[in-house]
Amino acid sequence: MQIWTKVHISDKDKNIEQIAKSLTNYLYGYGPIQDIQRKYNIDEADRQVLDQYTADRIGGLIMLFFAKDTKRLNDIINKYNITPIINEVTPEIEGYIKK
């Protein structure tokens, strides 16, 4: 029998850590989260909890991606493909481009 469980990886990979931190800042550093934080008086400690949770989750996904563990990635995708809160995804990318 298989059960769904959460595993915390204690081995540190500085590349994964840097990518996860950068992506968390990319997702939550600016934009609507700042407005929400002000509107609902979310303090810095609670914001840190949210950012840490996000970075840990992103780090896990990156680790699975680098390991080419498509089975576990698919398991996560299938488990969290629930009633959508998000209507439609419009991919957004920022960065330097050559013109």
N, C-alpha and C. Protein backbone atom coordinates (compact mmCIF):
# COMPACT_ATOMS: atom_id res chain seq x y z
N MET A 1 0.84 -1.18 0.00
CA MET A 1 0.00 0.00 0.00
C MET A 1 0.88 1.24 0.00
N GLN A 2 0.53 2.21 -0.82
CA GLN A 2 1.28 3.45 -0.86
C GLN A 2 0.47 4.54 -0.16
N ILE A 3 1.18 5.39 0.56
CA ILE A 3 0.53 6.54 1.19
C ILE A 3 1.22 7.81 0.72
N TRP A 4 0.45 8.89 0.67
CA TRP A 4 1.01 10.19 0.28
C TRP A 4 1.63 10.81 1.52
N THR A 5 2.88 11.19 1.43
CA THR A 5 3.55 11.77 2.58
C THR A 5 4.50 12.87 2.13
N LYS A 6 4.89 13.68 3.06
CA LYS A 6 5.82 14.77 2.79
C LYS A 6 7.20 14.37 3.30
N VAL A 7 8.21 14.61 2.51
CA VAL A 7 9.58 14.27 2.88
C VAL A 7 10.43 15.53 2.82
N HIS A 8 11.21 15.75 3.84
CA HIS A 8 12.14 16.89 3.85
C HIS A 8 13.54 16.35 3.57
N ILE A 9 14.18 16.90 2.57
CA ILE A 9 15.51 16.46 2.15
C ILE A 9 16.55 17.27 2.92
N SER A 10 17.43 16.59 3.62
CA SER A 10 18.43 17.32 4.42
C SER A 10 19.71 17.60 3.64
N ASP A 11 19.95 16.86 2.56
CA ASP A 11 21.13 17.14 1.74
C ASP A 11 20.94 18.45 1.02
N LYS A 12 21.88 19.34 1.17
CA LYS A 12 21.76 20.66 0.56
C LYS A 12 22.48 20.70 -0.77
N ASP A 13 21.79 21.18 -1.77
CA ASP A 13 22.37 21.41 -3.09
C ASP A 13 22.26 22.91 -3.33
N LYS A 14 23.39 23.59 -3.34
CA LYS A 14 23.41 25.05 -3.44
C LYS A 14 22.77 25.55 -4.73
N ASN A 15 22.89 24.80 -5.83
CA ASN A 15 22.25 25.21 -7.08
C ASN A 15 20.74 25.19 -6.94
N ILE A 16 20.20 24.13 -6.38
CA ILE A 16 18.76 24.02 -6.19
C ILE A 16 18.29 25.09 -5.22
N GLU A 17 19.05 25.31 -4.16
CA GLU A 17 18.69 26.33 -3.18
C GLU A 17 18.64 27.72 -3.83
N GLN A 18 19.62 28.04 -4.62
CA GLN A 18 19.67 29.35 -5.27
C GLN A 18 18.51 29.52 -6.26
N ILE A 19 18.24 28.49 -7.03
CA ILE A 19 17.14 28.55 -8.00
C ILE A 19 15.80 28.70 -7.27
N ALA A 20 15.60 27.92 -6.21
CA ALA A 20 14.34 27.98 -5.47
C ALA A 20 14.14 29.35 -4.83
N LYS A 21 15.18 29.91 -4.26
CA LYS A 21 15.07 31.24 -3.65
C LYS A 21 14.78 32.29 -4.72
N SER A 22 15.48 32.20 -5.84
CA SER A 22 15.29 33.17 -6.91
C SER A 22 13.88 33.08 -7.49
N LEU A 23 13.39 31.85 -7.71
CA LEU A 23 12.05 31.69 -8.25
C LEU A 23 10.98 32.17 -7.26
N THR A 24 11.20 31.94 -5.98
CA THR A 24 10.26 32.44 -4.97
C THR A 24 10.21 33.96 -5.00
N ASN A 25 11.37 34.59 -5.08
CA ASN A 25 11.39 36.05 -5.18
C ASN A 25 10.77 36.52 -6.48
N TYR A 26 10.99 35.78 -7.56
CA TYR A 26 10.40 36.11 -8.85
C TYR A 26 8.88 36.05 -8.78
N LEU A 27 8.35 35.03 -8.09
CA LEU A 27 6.91 34.86 -7.98
C LEU A 27 6.27 35.83 -7.00
N TYR A 28 6.93 36.03 -5.84
CA TYR A 28 6.31 36.79 -4.76
C TYR A 28 7.01 38.09 -4.40
N GLY A 29 8.10 38.40 -5.05
CA GLY A 29 8.84 39.60 -4.67
C GLY A 29 8.09 40.88 -4.90
N TYR A 30 7.33 40.92 -5.94
CA TYR A 30 6.62 42.13 -6.32
C TYR A 30 5.22 41.75 -6.77
N GLY A 31 4.46 42.72 -7.18
CA GLY A 31 3.16 42.42 -7.75
C GLY A 31 2.05 42.33 -6.72
N PRO A 32 1.04 41.53 -7.01
CA PRO A 32 -0.16 41.49 -6.18
C PRO A 32 0.10 41.08 -4.73
N ILE A 33 1.13 40.28 -4.49
CA ILE A 33 1.37 39.84 -3.11
C ILE A 33 1.65 41.01 -2.18
N GLN A 34 2.32 42.04 -2.68
CA GLN A 34 2.58 43.22 -1.84
C GLN A 34 1.27 43.95 -1.52
N ASP A 35 0.39 44.06 -2.48
CA ASP A 35 -0.91 44.69 -2.24
C ASP A 35 -1.73 43.88 -1.24
N ILE A 36 -1.70 42.57 -1.38
CA ILE A 36 -2.43 41.69 -0.46
C ILE A 36 -1.84 41.80 0.94
N GLN A 37 -0.52 41.85 1.03
CA GLN A 37 0.15 41.96 2.33
C GLN A 37 -0.29 43.24 3.04
N ARG A 38 -0.34 44.35 2.31
CA ARG A 38 -0.77 45.63 2.91
C ARG A 38 -2.26 45.61 3.24
N LYS A 39 -3.07 45.13 2.31
CA LYS A 39 -4.52 45.15 2.48
C LYS A 39 -4.97 44.37 3.70
N TYR A 40 -4.36 43.20 3.92
CA TYR A 40 -4.78 42.34 5.03
C TYR A 40 -3.82 42.39 6.21
N ASN A 41 -2.94 43.38 6.21
CA ASN A 41 -2.00 43.58 7.32
C ASN A 41 -1.23 42.30 7.66
N ILE A 42 -0.73 41.64 6.65
CA ILE A 42 0.07 40.44 6.86
C ILE A 42 1.47 40.89 7.28
N ASP A 43 1.91 40.41 8.44
CA ASP A 43 3.21 40.87 8.93
C ASP A 43 4.35 40.10 8.26
N GLU A 44 5.55 40.60 8.46
CA GLU A 44 6.74 40.02 7.81
C GLU A 44 6.97 38.57 8.21
N ALA A 45 6.68 38.23 9.47
CA ALA A 45 6.89 36.84 9.92
C ALA A 45 5.99 35.89 9.14
N ASP A 46 4.73 36.26 8.93
CA ASP A 46 3.82 35.42 8.16
C ASP A 46 4.23 35.36 6.70
N ARG A 47 4.72 36.46 6.19
CA ARG A 47 5.20 36.49 4.81
C ARG A 47 6.41 35.58 4.65
N GLN A 48 7.28 35.55 5.65
CA GLN A 48 8.45 34.66 5.61
C GLN A 48 8.01 33.20 5.59
N VAL A 49 6.98 32.87 6.36
CA VAL A 49 6.46 31.50 6.37
C VAL A 49 5.97 31.13 4.97
N LEU A 50 5.23 32.01 4.34
CA LEU A 50 4.73 31.77 2.98
C LEU A 50 5.89 31.60 2.00
N ASP A 51 6.86 32.50 2.06
CA ASP A 51 8.00 32.43 1.15
C ASP A 51 8.82 31.15 1.37
N GLN A 52 9.02 30.77 2.64
CA GLN A 52 9.79 29.55 2.93
C GLN A 52 9.08 28.32 2.42
N TYR A 53 7.76 28.25 2.64
CA TYR A 53 6.96 27.13 2.15
C TYR A 53 7.07 27.03 0.63
N THR A 54 6.95 28.17 -0.04
CA THR A 54 7.04 28.20 -1.50
C THR A 54 8.42 27.76 -1.97
N ALA A 55 9.47 28.29 -1.36
CA ALA A 55 10.84 27.93 -1.75
C ALA A 55 11.10 26.44 -1.53
N ASP A 56 10.62 25.90 -0.43
CA ASP A 56 10.80 24.47 -0.15
C ASP A 56 10.09 23.61 -1.21
N ARG A 57 8.88 24.00 -1.58
CA ARG A 57 8.13 23.26 -2.59
C ARG A 57 8.80 23.35 -3.96
N ILE A 58 9.21 24.56 -4.33
CA ILE A 58 9.90 24.75 -5.61
C ILE A 58 11.19 23.94 -5.62
N GLY A 59 11.94 23.97 -4.52
CA GLY A 59 13.18 23.19 -4.43
C GLY A 59 12.93 21.71 -4.65
N GLY A 60 11.86 21.19 -4.09
CA GLY A 60 11.52 19.78 -4.29
C GLY A 60 11.20 19.47 -5.75
N LEU A 61 10.44 20.36 -6.40
CA LEU A 61 10.12 20.15 -7.81
C LEU A 61 11.38 20.21 -8.68
N ILE A 62 12.25 21.14 -8.37
CA ILE A 62 13.50 21.26 -9.14
C ILE A 62 14.35 20.02 -8.95
N MET A 63 14.41 19.52 -7.72
CA MET A 63 15.18 18.32 -7.44
C MET A 63 14.65 17.14 -8.26
N LEU A 64 13.32 16.98 -8.30
CA LEU A 64 12.72 15.91 -9.09
C LEU A 64 12.99 16.12 -10.58
N PHE A 65 12.93 17.36 -11.04
CA PHE A 65 13.19 17.66 -12.45
C PHE A 65 14.63 17.30 -12.82
N PHE A 66 15.60 17.74 -12.00
CA PHE A 66 17.00 17.43 -12.27
C PHE A 66 17.27 15.93 -12.23
N ALA A 67 16.54 15.22 -11.37
CA ALA A 67 16.71 13.77 -11.26
C ALA A 67 15.94 13.03 -12.36
N LYS A 68 15.20 13.78 -13.18
CA LYS A 68 14.37 13.20 -14.25
C LYS A 68 13.36 12.19 -13.69
N ASP A 69 12.85 12.50 -12.50
CA ASP A 69 11.88 11.63 -11.84
C ASP A 69 10.47 12.02 -12.29
N THR A 70 10.15 11.66 -13.53
CA THR A 70 8.86 12.06 -14.11
C THR A 70 7.68 11.38 -13.41
N LYS A 71 7.91 10.20 -12.83
CA LYS A 71 6.81 9.54 -12.15
C LYS A 71 6.33 10.36 -10.96
N ARG A 72 7.27 10.81 -10.13
CA ARG A 72 6.87 11.62 -8.97
C ARG A 72 6.31 12.97 -9.39
N LEU A 73 6.89 13.59 -10.42
CA LEU A 73 6.34 14.85 -10.91
C LEU A 73 4.91 14.65 -11.41
N ASN A 74 4.67 13.58 -12.14
CA ASN A 74 3.32 13.29 -12.61
C ASN A 74 2.36 13.01 -11.45
N ASP A 75 2.84 12.33 -10.42
CA ASP A 75 2.01 12.09 -9.24
C ASP A 75 1.56 13.42 -8.63
N ILE A 76 2.49 14.37 -8.51
CA ILE A 76 2.16 15.68 -7.94
C ILE A 76 1.18 16.42 -8.84
N ILE A 77 1.43 16.40 -10.14
CA ILE A 77 0.53 17.06 -11.08
C ILE A 77 -0.88 16.47 -10.98
N ASN A 78 -0.97 15.16 -10.93
CA ASN A 78 -2.29 14.52 -10.86
C ASN A 78 -2.98 14.80 -9.53
N LYS A 79 -2.24 14.78 -8.44
CA LYS A 79 -2.85 15.02 -7.13
C LYS A 79 -3.37 16.45 -7.00
N TYR A 80 -2.64 17.42 -7.54
CA TYR A 80 -3.01 18.82 -7.36
C TYR A 80 -3.75 19.40 -8.56
N ASN A 81 -4.17 18.57 -9.50
CA ASN A 81 -4.99 19.02 -10.62
C ASN A 81 -6.44 18.98 -10.16
N ILE A 82 -6.75 19.92 -9.26
CA ILE A 82 -8.06 19.95 -8.62
C ILE A 82 -8.90 21.08 -9.23
N THR A 83 -10.09 21.24 -8.71
CA THR A 83 -10.97 22.30 -9.20
C THR A 83 -10.18 23.59 -9.33
N PRO A 84 -10.18 24.16 -10.52
CA PRO A 84 -9.30 25.29 -10.77
C PRO A 84 -9.74 26.57 -10.08
N ILE A 85 -8.77 27.22 -9.45
CA ILE A 85 -8.95 28.57 -8.95
C ILE A 85 -8.52 29.51 -10.06
N ILE A 86 -7.62 29.02 -10.88
CA ILE A 86 -7.03 29.79 -11.96
C ILE A 86 -7.81 29.46 -13.24
N ASN A 87 -8.27 30.48 -13.92
CA ASN A 87 -9.08 30.26 -15.12
C ASN A 87 -8.24 29.79 -16.30
N GLU A 88 -7.26 30.54 -16.67
CA GLU A 88 -6.44 30.22 -17.83
C GLU A 88 -5.03 30.71 -17.55
N VAL A 89 -4.06 29.95 -17.96
CA VAL A 89 -2.66 30.31 -17.74
C VAL A 89 -2.13 31.03 -18.97
N THR A 90 -1.57 32.20 -18.74
CA THR A 90 -0.88 32.95 -19.78
C THR A 90 0.58 33.01 -19.37
N PRO A 91 1.43 32.19 -19.97
CA PRO A 91 2.84 32.17 -19.56
C PRO A 91 3.46 33.56 -19.61
N GLU A 92 4.22 33.86 -18.58
CA GLU A 92 4.88 35.16 -18.48
C GLU A 92 6.35 34.93 -18.18
N ILE A 93 7.19 35.56 -18.93
CA ILE A 93 8.64 35.43 -18.74
C ILE A 93 9.23 36.82 -18.74
N GLU A 94 10.23 37.02 -17.92
CA GLU A 94 10.96 38.29 -17.98
C GLU A 94 12.44 37.99 -18.01
N GLY A 95 13.19 38.89 -18.51
CA GLY A 95 14.64 38.70 -18.59
C GLY A 95 15.20 39.47 -19.75
N TYR A 96 16.48 39.36 -19.91
CA TYR A 96 17.16 40.08 -20.98
C TYR A 96 16.96 39.36 -22.30
N ILE A 97 16.70 40.13 -23.35
CA ILE A 97 16.58 39.58 -24.69
C ILE A 97 17.42 40.43 -25.62
N LYS A 98 17.89 39.84 -26.70
CA LYS A 98 18.63 40.58 -27.71
C LYS A 98 17.67 41.12 -28.73
N LYS A 99 17.83 42.38 -29.07
CA LYS A 99 16.97 42.98 -30.09
C LYS A 99 17.81 43.40 -31.26
